[in-house]
């Protein structure tokens, strides 16, 4: 991730086709030693590609990944009745843990 971030910084700085040396310079400026093998692989993968196209492709891929919300709600009915029964029990246990009665004092005592 740090290699990609450094690559993007160099690209946003005006260099449309950053080389490994450019990325190494950015990384070394913040005290990171670059792994040449990983960096060369990244440069090879991104060589000749437009930064804007890469961001657009990445955004489209991220949009297809379920991230809580509706995905979790849709999965609950599919799991059957067992999941529905476990949820109230978990809520009761959570309430019990959050209670300060068992500590012997309250917030405003």
PDB file of N, CA and C in Angstrom:
ATOM      1  N   UNK A   1       0.820  -1.184   0.000  1.00  0.00           N
ATOM      2  CA  UNK A   1       0.000   0.000   0.000  1.00  0.00           C
ATOM      3  C   UNK A   1       0.871   1.257   0.000  1.00  0.00           C
ATOM      4  N   UNK A   2       1.973   1.203   0.748  1.00  0.00           N
ATOM      5  CA  UNK A   2       2.828   2.378   0.811  1.00  0.00           C
ATOM      6  C   UNK A   2       3.472   2.659  -0.549  1.00  0.00           C
ATOM      7  N   UNK A   3       3.727   1.605  -1.323  1.00  0.00           N
ATOM      8  CA  UNK A   3       4.312   1.797  -2.649  1.00  0.00           C
ATOM      9  C   UNK A   3       3.308   2.467  -3.584  1.00  0.00           C
ATOM     10  N   UNK A   4       2.070   2.017  -3.489  1.00  0.00           N
ATOM     11  CA  UNK A   4       1.023   2.606  -4.314  1.00  0.00           C
ATOM     12  C   UNK A   4       0.777   4.063  -3.927  1.00  0.00           C
ATOM     13  N   UNK A   5       0.772   4.337  -2.634  1.00  0.00           N
ATOM     14  CA  UNK A   5       0.573   5.712  -2.173  1.00  0.00           C
ATOM     15  C   UNK A   5       1.695   6.622  -2.669  1.00  0.00           C
ATOM     16  N   UNK A   6       2.932   6.140  -2.605  1.00  0.00           N
ATOM     17  CA  UNK A   6       4.062   6.935  -3.088  1.00  0.00           C
ATOM     18  C   UNK A   6       3.962   7.135  -4.603  1.00  0.00           C
ATOM     19  N   UNK A   7       3.544   6.093  -5.318  1.00  0.00           N
ATOM     20  CA  UNK A   7       3.368   6.194  -6.773  1.00  0.00           C
ATOM     21  C   UNK A   7       2.331   7.260  -7.099  1.00  0.00           C
ATOM     22  N   UNK A   8       1.220   7.239  -6.369  1.00  0.00           N
ATOM     23  CA  UNK A   8       0.159   8.222  -6.603  1.00  0.00           C
ATOM     24  C   UNK A   8       0.620   9.639  -6.290  1.00  0.00           C
ATOM     25  N   UNK A   9       1.414   9.794  -5.236  1.00  0.00           N
ATOM     26  CA  UNK A   9       1.943  11.118  -4.911  1.00  0.00           C
ATOM     27  C   UNK A   9       2.824  11.658  -6.035  1.00  0.00           C
ATOM     28  N   UNK A  10       3.676  10.794  -6.570  1.00  0.00           N
ATOM     29  CA  UNK A  10       4.549  11.214  -7.667  1.00  0.00           C
ATOM     30  C   UNK A  10       3.713  11.560  -8.896  1.00  0.00           C
ATOM     31  N   UNK A  11       2.706  10.730  -9.191  1.00  0.00           N
ATOM     32  CA  UNK A  11       1.849  10.971 -10.349  1.00  0.00           C
ATOM     33  C   UNK A  11       1.049  12.260 -10.185  1.00  0.00           C
ATOM     34  N   UNK A  12       0.530  12.494  -9.000  1.00  0.00           N
ATOM     35  CA  UNK A  12      -0.231  13.723  -8.760  1.00  0.00           C
ATOM     36  C   UNK A  12       0.659  14.957  -8.762  1.00  0.00           C
ATOM     37  N   UNK A  13       1.949  14.743  -8.532  1.00  0.00           N
ATOM     38  CA  UNK A  13       2.910  15.844  -8.565  1.00  0.00           C
ATOM     39  C   UNK A  13       3.273  16.280  -9.977  1.00  0.00           C
ATOM     40  N   UNK A  14       2.771  15.571 -10.974  1.00  0.00           N
ATOM     41  CA  UNK A  14       3.002  15.983 -12.347  1.00  0.00           C
ATOM     42  C   UNK A  14       3.749  14.977 -13.200  1.00  0.00           C
ATOM     43  N   UNK A  15       4.319  13.959 -12.607  1.00  0.00           N
ATOM     44  CA  UNK A  15       5.041  12.937 -13.365  1.00  0.00           C
ATOM     45  C   UNK A  15       4.028  11.889 -13.815  1.00  0.00           C
ATOM     46  N   UNK A  16       3.698  11.885 -15.106  1.00  0.00           N
ATOM     47  CA  UNK A  16       2.647  10.996 -15.604  1.00  0.00           C
ATOM     48  C   UNK A  16       3.075   9.530 -15.642  1.00  0.00           C
ATOM     49  N   UNK A  17       4.365   9.267 -15.664  1.00  0.00           N
ATOM     50  CA  UNK A  17       4.858   7.901 -15.707  1.00  0.00           C
ATOM     51  C   UNK A  17       6.012   7.746 -14.713  1.00  0.00           C
ATOM     52  N   UNK A  18       5.693   7.630 -13.426  1.00  0.00           N
ATOM     53  CA  UNK A  18       6.743   7.526 -12.406  1.00  0.00           C
ATOM     54  C   UNK A  18       7.594   6.270 -12.570  1.00  0.00           C
ATOM     55  N   UNK A  19       8.878   6.423 -12.344  1.00  0.00           N
ATOM     56  CA  UNK A  19       9.807   5.293 -12.372  1.00  0.00           C
ATOM     57  C   UNK A  19      10.038   4.817 -10.947  1.00  0.00           C
ATOM     58  N   UNK A  20      10.669   3.669 -10.824  1.00  0.00           N
ATOM     59  CA  UNK A  20      10.946   3.103  -9.503  1.00  0.00           C
ATOM     60  C   UNK A  20      11.796   4.054  -8.666  1.00  0.00           C
ATOM     61  N   UNK A  21      12.730   4.728  -9.306  1.00  0.00           N
ATOM     62  CA  UNK A  21      13.590   5.662  -8.583  1.00  0.00           C
ATOM     63  C   UNK A  21      12.788   6.820  -7.990  1.00  0.00           C
ATOM     64  N   UNK A  22      11.770   7.273  -8.707  1.00  0.00           N
ATOM     65  CA  UNK A  22      10.924   8.360  -8.207  1.00  0.00           C
ATOM     66  C   UNK A  22      10.164   7.929  -6.955  1.00  0.00           C
ATOM     67  N   UNK A  23       9.634   6.714  -6.995  1.00  0.00           N
ATOM     68  CA  UNK A  23       8.878   6.198  -5.859  1.00  0.00           C
ATOM     69  C   UNK A  23       9.813   5.958  -4.672  1.00  0.00           C
ATOM     70  N   UNK A  24      11.007   5.421  -4.937  1.00  0.00           N
ATOM     71  CA  UNK A  24      11.988   5.193  -3.870  1.00  0.00           C
ATOM     72  C   UNK A  24      12.368   6.509  -3.198  1.00  0.00           C
ATOM     73  N   UNK A  25      12.477   7.565  -3.982  1.00  0.00           N
ATOM     74  CA  UNK A  25      12.842   8.877  -3.436  1.00  0.00           C
ATOM     75  C   UNK A  25      11.773   9.369  -2.460  1.00  0.00           C
ATOM     76  N   UNK A  26      10.505   9.188  -2.827  1.00  0.00           N
ATOM     77  CA  UNK A  26       9.413   9.609  -1.950  1.00  0.00           C
ATOM     78  C   UNK A  26       9.437   8.779  -0.664  1.00  0.00           C
ATOM     79  N   UNK A  27       9.587   7.472  -0.806  1.00  0.00           N
ATOM     80  CA  UNK A  27       9.599   6.605   0.367  1.00  0.00           C
ATOM     81  C   UNK A  27      10.786   6.894   1.282  1.00  0.00           C
ATOM     82  N   UNK A  28      11.955   7.117   0.704  1.00  0.00           N
ATOM     83  CA  UNK A  28      13.129   7.389   1.529  1.00  0.00           C
ATOM     84  C   UNK A  28      13.026   8.735   2.242  1.00  0.00           C
ATOM     85  N   UNK A  29      12.247   9.661   1.687  1.00  0.00           N
ATOM     86  CA  UNK A  29      12.091  10.964   2.331  1.00  0.00           C
ATOM     87  C   UNK A  29      11.352  10.869   3.666  1.00  0.00           C
ATOM     88  N   UNK A  30      10.611   9.766   3.860  1.00  0.00           N
ATOM     89  CA  UNK A  30       9.909   9.567   5.129  1.00  0.00           C
ATOM     90  C   UNK A  30      10.486   8.386   5.912  1.00  0.00           C
ATOM     91  N   UNK A  31      11.686   7.946   5.522  1.00  0.00           N
ATOM     92  CA  UNK A  31      12.395   6.929   6.274  1.00  0.00           C
ATOM     93  C   UNK A  31      12.006   5.497   5.985  1.00  0.00           C
ATOM     94  N   UNK A  32      11.448   5.224   4.799  1.00  0.00           N
ATOM     95  CA  UNK A  32      11.046   3.866   4.441  1.00  0.00           C
ATOM     96  C   UNK A  32      11.998   3.326   3.392  1.00  0.00           C
ATOM     97  N   UNK A  33      12.553   2.138   3.655  1.00  0.00           N
ATOM     98  CA  UNK A  33      13.394   1.473   2.661  1.00  0.00           C
ATOM     99  C   UNK A  33      12.495   0.674   1.739  1.00  0.00           C
ATOM    100  N   UNK A  34      12.618   0.910   0.447  1.00  0.00           N
ATOM    101  CA  UNK A  34      11.757   0.256  -0.538  1.00  0.00           C
ATOM    102  C   UNK A  34      12.286  -1.127  -0.891  1.00  0.00           C
ATOM    103  N   UNK A  35      11.379  -2.084  -1.005  1.00  0.00           N
ATOM    104  CA  UNK A  35      11.692  -3.425  -1.468  1.00  0.00           C
ATOM    105  C   UNK A  35      11.657  -3.388  -2.993  1.00  0.00           C
ATOM    106  N   UNK A  36      12.802  -3.544  -3.618  1.00  0.00           N
ATOM    107  CA  UNK A  36      12.916  -3.394  -5.071  1.00  0.00           C
ATOM    108  C   UNK A  36      12.015  -4.360  -5.823  1.00  0.00           C
ATOM    109  N   UNK A  37      11.879  -5.570  -5.344  1.00  0.00           N
ATOM    110  CA  UNK A  37      11.051  -6.568  -6.039  1.00  0.00           C
ATOM    111  C   UNK A  37       9.582  -6.138  -6.083  1.00  0.00           C
ATOM    112  N   UNK A  38       9.054  -5.722  -4.940  1.00  0.00           N
ATOM    113  CA  UNK A  38       7.658  -5.267  -4.886  1.00  0.00           C
ATOM    114  C   UNK A  38       7.452  -4.000  -5.714  1.00  0.00           C
ATOM    115  N   UNK A  39       8.397  -3.107  -5.613  1.00  0.00           N
ATOM    116  CA  UNK A  39       8.287  -1.848  -6.331  1.00  0.00           C
ATOM    117  C   UNK A  39       8.332  -2.073  -7.834  1.00  0.00           C
ATOM    118  N   UNK A  40       9.227  -2.950  -8.293  1.00  0.00           N
ATOM    119  CA  UNK A  40       9.308  -3.251  -9.722  1.00  0.00           C
ATOM    120  C   UNK A  40       8.026  -3.893 -10.232  1.00  0.00           C
ATOM    121  N   UNK A  41       7.419  -4.748  -9.411  1.00  0.00           N
ATOM    122  CA  UNK A  41       6.154  -5.375  -9.791  1.00  0.00           C
ATOM    123  C   UNK A  41       5.056  -4.323  -9.928  1.00  0.00           C
ATOM    124  N   UNK A  42       4.996  -3.388  -8.985  1.00  0.00           N
ATOM    125  CA  UNK A  42       3.999  -2.323  -9.043  1.00  0.00           C
ATOM    126  C   UNK A  42       4.190  -1.458 -10.283  1.00  0.00           C
ATOM    127  N   UNK A  43       5.425  -1.074 -10.560  1.00  0.00           N
ATOM    128  CA  UNK A  43       5.713  -0.235 -11.724  1.00  0.00           C
ATOM    129  C   UNK A  43       5.319  -0.972 -13.001  1.00  0.00           C
ATOM    130  N   UNK A  44       5.619  -2.273 -13.074  1.00  0.00           N
ATOM    131  CA  UNK A  44       5.261  -3.064 -14.260  1.00  0.00           C
ATOM    132  C   UNK A  44       3.748  -3.134 -14.445  1.00  0.00           C
ATOM    133  N   UNK A  45       3.007  -3.281 -13.348  1.00  0.00           N
ATOM    134  CA  UNK A  45       1.542  -3.366 -13.421  1.00  0.00           C
ATOM    135  C   UNK A  45       0.910  -2.044 -13.861  1.00  0.00           C
ATOM    136  N   UNK A  46       1.493  -0.934 -13.441  1.00  0.00           N
ATOM    137  CA  UNK A  46       0.891   0.373 -13.708  1.00  0.00           C
ATOM    138  C   UNK A  46       1.467   1.068 -14.946  1.00  0.00           C
ATOM    139  N   UNK A  47       2.509   0.507 -15.524  1.00  0.00           N
ATOM    140  CA  UNK A  47       3.183   1.129 -16.668  1.00  0.00           C
ATOM    141  C   UNK A  47       2.218   1.329 -17.838  1.00  0.00           C
ATOM    142  N   UNK A  48       2.155   2.548 -18.331  1.00  0.00           N
ATOM    143  CA  UNK A  48       1.342   2.871 -19.497  1.00  0.00           C
ATOM    144  C   UNK A  48      -0.135   3.065 -19.219  1.00  0.00           C
ATOM    145  N   UNK A  49      -0.540   3.001 -17.955  1.00  0.00           N
ATOM    146  CA  UNK A  49      -1.948   3.177 -17.617  1.00  0.00           C
ATOM    147  C   UNK A  49      -2.181   4.578 -17.072  1.00  0.00           C
ATOM    148  N   UNK A  50      -3.329   5.117 -17.392  1.00  0.00           N
ATOM    149  CA  UNK A  50      -3.713   6.444 -16.927  1.00  0.00           C
ATOM    150  C   UNK A  50      -4.157   6.369 -15.467  1.00  0.00           C
ATOM    151  N   UNK A  51      -3.700   7.311 -14.681  1.00  0.00           N
ATOM    152  CA  UNK A  51      -4.063   7.357 -13.266  1.00  0.00           C
ATOM    153  C   UNK A  51      -5.576   7.480 -13.095  1.00  0.00           C
ATOM    154  N   UNK A  52      -6.201   8.307 -13.917  1.00  0.00           N
ATOM    155  CA  UNK A  52      -7.650   8.499 -13.820  1.00  0.00           C
ATOM    156  C   UNK A  52      -8.395   7.209 -14.147  1.00  0.00           C
ATOM    157  N   UNK A  53      -7.936   6.462 -15.158  1.00  0.00           N
ATOM    158  CA  UNK A  53      -8.574   5.194 -15.512  1.00  0.00           C
ATOM    159  C   UNK A  53      -8.438   4.180 -14.375  1.00  0.00           C
ATOM    160  N   UNK A  54      -7.265   4.150 -13.739  1.00  0.00           N
ATOM    161  CA  UNK A  54      -7.046   3.220 -12.631  1.00  0.00           C
ATOM    162  C   UNK A  54      -7.972   3.524 -11.459  1.00  0.00           C
ATOM    163  N   UNK A  55      -8.150   4.799 -11.166  1.00  0.00           N
ATOM    164  CA  UNK A  55      -9.032   5.189 -10.071  1.00  0.00           C
ATOM    165  C   UNK A  55     -10.475   4.828 -10.398  1.00  0.00           C
ATOM    166  N   UNK A  56     -10.888   5.036 -11.654  1.00  0.00           N
ATOM    167  CA  UNK A  56     -12.244   4.693 -12.074  1.00  0.00           C
ATOM    168  C   UNK A  56     -12.477   3.189 -11.983  1.00  0.00           C
ATOM    169  N   UNK A  57     -11.511   2.392 -12.437  1.00  0.00           N
ATOM    170  CA  UNK A  57     -11.630   0.937 -12.357  1.00  0.00           C
ATOM    171  C   UNK A  57     -11.697   0.479 -10.901  1.00  0.00           C
ATOM    172  N   UNK A  58     -10.861   1.056 -10.057  1.00  0.00           N
ATOM    173  CA  UNK A  58     -10.852   0.681  -8.650  1.00  0.00           C
ATOM    174  C   UNK A  58     -12.156   1.030  -7.959  1.00  0.00           C
ATOM    175  N   UNK A  59     -12.717   2.179  -8.298  1.00  0.00           N
ATOM    176  CA  UNK A  59     -13.991   2.587  -7.705  1.00  0.00           C
ATOM    177  C   UNK A  59     -15.111   1.634  -8.103  1.00  0.00           C
ATOM    178  N   UNK A  60     -15.088   1.189  -9.365  1.00  0.00           N
ATOM    179  CA  UNK A  60     -16.101   0.244  -9.829  1.00  0.00           C
ATOM    180  C   UNK A  60     -15.968  -1.085  -9.103  1.00  0.00           C
ATOM    181  N   UNK A  61     -14.733  -1.523  -8.857  1.00  0.00           N
ATOM    182  CA  UNK A  61     -14.527  -2.782  -8.135  1.00  0.00           C
ATOM    183  C   UNK A  61     -14.972  -2.659  -6.688  1.00  0.00           C
ATOM    184  N   UNK A  62     -14.693  -1.528  -6.057  1.00  0.00           N
ATOM    185  CA  UNK A  62     -15.108  -1.338  -4.667  1.00  0.00           C
ATOM    186  C   UNK A  62     -16.620  -1.271  -4.526  1.00  0.00           C
ATOM    187  N   UNK A  63     -17.292  -0.737  -5.541  1.00  0.00           N
ATOM    188  CA  UNK A  63     -18.746  -0.623  -5.489  1.00  0.00           C
ATOM    189  C   UNK A  63     -19.407  -1.990  -5.492  1.00  0.00           C
ATOM    190  N   UNK A  64     -18.743  -2.995  -6.039  1.00  0.00           N
ATOM    191  CA  UNK A  64     -19.329  -4.332  -6.111  1.00  0.00           C
ATOM    192  C   UNK A  64     -19.089  -5.148  -4.843  1.00  0.00           C
ATOM    193  N   UNK A  65     -18.314  -4.626  -3.899  1.00  0.00           N
ATOM    194  CA  UNK A  65     -18.018  -5.342  -2.665  1.00  0.00           C
ATOM    195  C   UNK A  65     -19.086  -5.013  -1.623  1.00  0.00           C
ATOM    196  N   UNK A  66     -19.752  -6.040  -1.058  1.00  0.00           N
ATOM    197  CA  UNK A  66     -20.752  -5.750  -0.027  1.00  0.00           C
ATOM    198  C   UNK A  66     -20.076  -5.222   1.232  1.00  0.00           C
ATOM    199  N   UNK A  67     -20.697  -4.210   1.838  1.00  0.00           N
ATOM    200  CA  UNK A  67     -20.077  -3.594   3.013  1.00  0.00           C
ATOM    201  C   UNK A  67     -21.122  -3.295   4.077  1.00  0.00           C
ATOM    202  N   UNK A  68     -21.586  -4.331   4.755  1.00  0.00           N
ATOM    203  CA  UNK A  68     -22.546  -4.147   5.842  1.00  0.00           C
ATOM    204  C   UNK A  68     -23.893  -3.720   5.323  1.00  0.00           C
ATOM    205  N   UNK A  69     -24.573  -2.866   6.018  1.00  0.00           N
ATOM    206  CA  UNK A  69     -25.849  -2.290   5.605  1.00  0.00           C
ATOM    207  C   UNK A  69     -26.809  -3.301   5.023  1.00  0.00           C
ATOM    208  N   UNK A  70     -27.178  -3.125   3.770  1.00  0.00           N
ATOM    209  CA  UNK A  70     -28.165  -3.968   3.109  1.00  0.00           C
ATOM    210  C   UNK A  70     -27.679  -5.398   2.968  1.00  0.00           C
ATOM    211  N   UNK A  71     -26.399  -5.593   2.784  1.00  0.00           N
ATOM    212  CA  UNK A  71     -25.865  -6.947   2.630  1.00  0.00           C
ATOM    213  C   UNK A  71     -26.071  -7.780   3.881  1.00  0.00           C
ATOM    214  N   UNK A  72     -25.857  -7.195   5.039  1.00  0.00           N
ATOM    215  CA  UNK A  72     -26.038  -7.910   6.298  1.00  0.00           C
ATOM    216  C   UNK A  72     -27.518  -8.188   6.551  1.00  0.00           C
ATOM    217  N   UNK A  73     -28.368  -7.245   6.213  1.00  0.00           N
ATOM    218  CA  UNK A  73     -29.802  -7.431   6.412  1.00  0.00           C
ATOM    219  C   UNK A  73     -30.345  -8.504   5.483  1.00  0.00           C
ATOM    220  N   UNK A  74     -29.840  -8.576   4.286  1.00  0.00           N
ATOM    221  CA  UNK A  74     -30.290  -9.584   3.336  1.00  0.00           C
ATOM    222  C   UNK A  74     -29.786 -10.964   3.728  1.00  0.00           C
ATOM    223  N   UNK A  75     -28.657 -11.047   4.381  1.00  0.00           N
ATOM    224  CA  UNK A  75     -28.094 -12.337   4.758  1.00  0.00           C
ATOM    225  C   UNK A  75     -28.833 -12.950   5.945  1.00  0.00           C
ATOM    226  N   UNK A  76     -29.416 -12.149   6.809  1.00  0.00           N
ATOM    227  CA  UNK A  76     -30.081 -12.669   7.999  1.00  0.00           C
ATOM    228  C   UNK A  76     -31.264 -13.569   7.670  1.00  0.00           C
ATOM    229  N   UNK A  77     -32.189 -13.176   6.773  1.00  0.00           N
ATOM    230  CA  UNK A  77     -33.288 -14.086   6.456  1.00  0.00           C
ATOM    231  C   UNK A  77     -32.798 -15.366   5.782  1.00  0.00           C
ATOM    232  N   UNK A  78     -31.750 -15.273   5.035  1.00  0.00           N
ATOM    233  CA  UNK A  78     -31.234 -16.447   4.347  1.00  0.00           C
ATOM    234  C   UNK A  78     -30.619 -17.437   5.326  1.00  0.00           C
ATOM    235  N   UNK A  79     -30.167 -16.972   6.473  1.00  0.00           N
ATOM    236  CA  UNK A  79     -29.532 -17.839   7.447  1.00  0.00           C
ATOM    237  C   UNK A  79     -30.543 -18.707   8.179  1.00  0.00           C
ATOM    238  N   UNK A  80     -31.781 -18.334   8.184  1.00  0.00           N
ATOM    239  CA  UNK A  80     -32.806 -19.147   8.832  1.00  0.00           C
ATOM    240  C   UNK A  80     -33.170 -18.613  10.202  1.00  0.00           C
ATOM    241  N   UNK A  81     -33.965 -19.387  10.926  1.00  0.00           N
ATOM    242  CA  UNK A  81     -34.461 -18.953  12.219  1.00  0.00           C
ATOM    243  C   UNK A  81     -33.413 -18.931  13.307  1.00  0.00           C
ATOM    244  N   UNK A  82     -32.373 -19.714  13.187  1.00  0.00           N
ATOM    245  CA  UNK A  82     -31.355 -19.779  14.237  1.00  0.00           C
ATOM    246  C   UNK A  82     -30.679 -18.437  14.441  1.00  0.00           C
ATOM    247  N   UNK A  83     -30.397 -17.754  13.361  1.00  0.00           N
ATOM    248  CA  UNK A  83     -29.745 -16.452  13.459  1.00  0.00           C
ATOM    249  C   UNK A  83     -30.686 -15.432  14.090  1.00  0.00           C
ATOM    250  N   UNK A  84     -31.952 -15.517  13.768  1.00  0.00           N
ATOM    251  CA  UNK A  84     -32.924 -14.578  14.314  1.00  0.00           C
ATOM    252  C   UNK A  84     -33.084 -14.783  15.825  1.00  0.00           C
ATOM    253  N   UNK A  85     -32.977 -16.046  16.282  1.00  0.00           N
ATOM    254  CA  UNK A  85     -33.103 -16.318  17.708  1.00  0.00           C
ATOM    255  C   UNK A  85     -31.861 -15.889  18.468  1.00  0.00           C
ATOM    256  N   UNK A  86     -30.701 -15.970  17.849  1.00  0.00           N
ATOM    257  CA  UNK A  86     -29.446 -15.635  18.511  1.00  0.00           C
ATOM    258  C   UNK A  86     -29.309 -14.128  18.728  1.00  0.00           C
ATOM    259  N   UNK A  87     -29.911 -13.331  17.878  1.00  0.00           N
ATOM    260  CA  UNK A  87     -29.775 -11.886  17.966  1.00  0.00           C
ATOM    261  C   UNK A  87     -30.343 -11.319  19.266  1.00  0.00           C
ATOM    262  N   UNK A  88     -31.563 -11.678  19.692  1.00  0.00           N
ATOM    263  CA  UNK A  88     -32.068 -11.131  20.951  1.00  0.00           C
ATOM    264  C   UNK A  88     -31.232 -11.555  22.149  1.00  0.00           C
ATOM    265  N   UNK A  89     -30.719 -12.791  22.128  1.00  0.00           N
ATOM    266  CA  UNK A  89     -29.891 -13.248  23.229  1.00  0.00           C
ATOM    267  C   UNK A  89     -28.607 -12.424  23.318  1.00  0.00           C
ATOM    268  N   UNK A  90     -28.016 -12.109  22.160  1.00  0.00           N
ATOM    269  CA  UNK A  90     -26.796 -11.310  22.130  1.00  0.00           C
ATOM    270  C   UNK A  90     -27.073  -9.907  22.656  1.00  0.00           C
ATOM    271  N   UNK A  91     -28.243  -9.364  22.328  1.00  0.00           N
ATOM    272  CA  UNK A  91     -28.588  -8.025  22.793  1.00  0.00           C
ATOM    273  C   UNK A  91     -28.750  -8.014  24.310  1.00  0.00           C
ATOM    274  N   UNK A  92     -29.344  -9.082  24.868  1.00  0.00           N
ATOM    275  CA  UNK A  92     -29.522  -9.160  26.318  1.00  0.00           C
ATOM    276  C   UNK A  92     -28.167  -9.242  27.018  1.00  0.00           C
ATOM    277  N   UNK A  93     -27.247 -10.044  26.455  1.00  0.00           N
ATOM    278  CA  UNK A  93     -25.922 -10.165  27.043  1.00  0.00           C
ATOM    279  C   UNK A  93     -25.183  -8.835  26.993  1.00  0.00           C
ATOM    280  N   UNK A  94     -25.335  -8.111  25.888  1.00  0.00           N
ATOM    281  CA  UNK A  94     -24.662  -6.828  25.739  1.00  0.00           C
ATOM    282  C   UNK A  94     -25.179  -5.831  26.760  1.00  0.00           C
ATOM    283  N   UNK A  95     -26.508  -5.815  26.978  1.00  0.00           N
ATOM    284  CA  UNK A  95     -27.081  -4.917  27.975  1.00  0.00           C
ATOM    285  C   UNK A  95     -26.515  -5.227  29.356  1.00  0.00           C
ATOM    286  N   UNK A  96     -26.384  -6.492  29.644  1.00  0.00           N
ATOM    287  CA  UNK A  96     -25.884  -6.917  30.936  1.00  0.00           C
ATOM    288  C   UNK A  96     -24.449  -6.445  31.142  1.00  0.00           C
ATOM    289  N   UNK A  97     -23.616  -6.546  30.104  1.00  0.00           N
ATOM    290  CA  UNK A  97     -22.228  -6.132  30.195  1.00  0.00           C
ATOM    291  C   UNK A  97     -22.102  -4.625  30.381  1.00  0.00           C
ATOM    292  N   UNK A  98     -22.976  -3.858  29.745  1.00  0.00           N
ATOM    293  CA  UNK A  98     -22.887  -2.406  29.807  1.00  0.00           C
ATOM    294  C   UNK A  98     -23.410  -1.850  31.134  1.00  0.00           C
ATOM    295  N   UNK A  99     -24.154  -2.626  31.864  1.00  0.00           N
ATOM    296  CA  UNK A  99     -24.721  -2.175  33.127  1.00  0.00           C
ATOM    297  C   UNK A  99     -23.610  -1.978  34.149  1.00  0.00           C
ATOM    298  N   UNK A 100     -23.740  -0.922  34.942  1.00  0.00           N
ATOM    299  CA  UNK A 100     -22.738  -0.674  35.983  1.00  0.00           C
ATOM    300  C   UNK A 100     -23.218  -1.156  37.350  1.00  0.00           C
ATOM    301  N   UNK A 101     -24.353  -1.860  37.406  1.00  0.00           N
ATOM    302  CA  UNK A 101     -24.890  -2.342  38.670  1.00  0.00           C
ATOM    303  C   UNK A 101     -23.940  -3.311  39.358  1.00  0.00           C
ATOM    304  N   UNK A 102     -23.261  -4.123  38.598  1.00  0.00           N
ATOM    305  CA  UNK A 102     -22.410  -5.141  39.196  1.00  0.00           C
ATOM    306  C   UNK A 102     -21.099  -4.566  39.723  1.00  0.00           C
ATOM    307  N   UNK A 103     -20.785  -3.306  39.435  1.00  0.00           N
ATOM    308  CA  UNK A 103     -19.557  -2.706  39.934  1.00  0.00           C
ATOM    309  C   UNK A 103     -19.743  -2.042  41.304  1.00  0.00           C
ATOM    310  N   UNK A 104     -20.978  -1.832  41.697  1.00  0.00           N
ATOM    311  CA  UNK A 104     -21.214  -1.276  43.015  1.00  0.00           C
ATOM    312  C   UNK A 104     -21.319   0.243  43.059  1.00  0.00           C
ATOM    313  N   UNK A 105     -21.234   0.896  41.930  1.00  0.00           N
ATOM    314  CA  UNK A 105     -21.405   2.350  41.915  1.00  0.00           C
ATOM    315  C   UNK A 105     -21.966   2.772  40.557  1.00  0.00           C
ATOM    316  N   UNK A 106     -22.562   3.942  40.539  1.00  0.00           N
ATOM    317  CA  UNK A 106     -23.124   4.487  39.315  1.00  0.00           C
ATOM    318  C   UNK A 106     -22.355   5.728  38.902  1.00  0.00           C
ATOM    319  N   UNK A 107     -22.672   6.242  37.787  1.00  0.00           N
ATOM    320  CA  UNK A 107     -21.977   7.396  37.239  1.00  0.00           C
ATOM    321  C   UNK A 107     -22.184   8.639  38.113  1.00  0.00           C
ATOM    322  N   UNK A 108     -23.384   8.801  38.671  1.00  0.00           N
ATOM    323  CA  UNK A 108     -23.678  10.017  39.431  1.00  0.00           C
ATOM    324  C   UNK A 108     -23.798   9.761  40.935  1.00  0.00           C
ATOM    325  N   UNK A 109     -23.226   8.687  41.437  1.00  0.00           N
ATOM    326  CA  UNK A 109     -23.285   8.381  42.881  1.00  0.00           C
ATOM    327  C   UNK A 109     -22.272   9.199  43.631  1.00  0.00           C
TER     328      UNK A 109
END
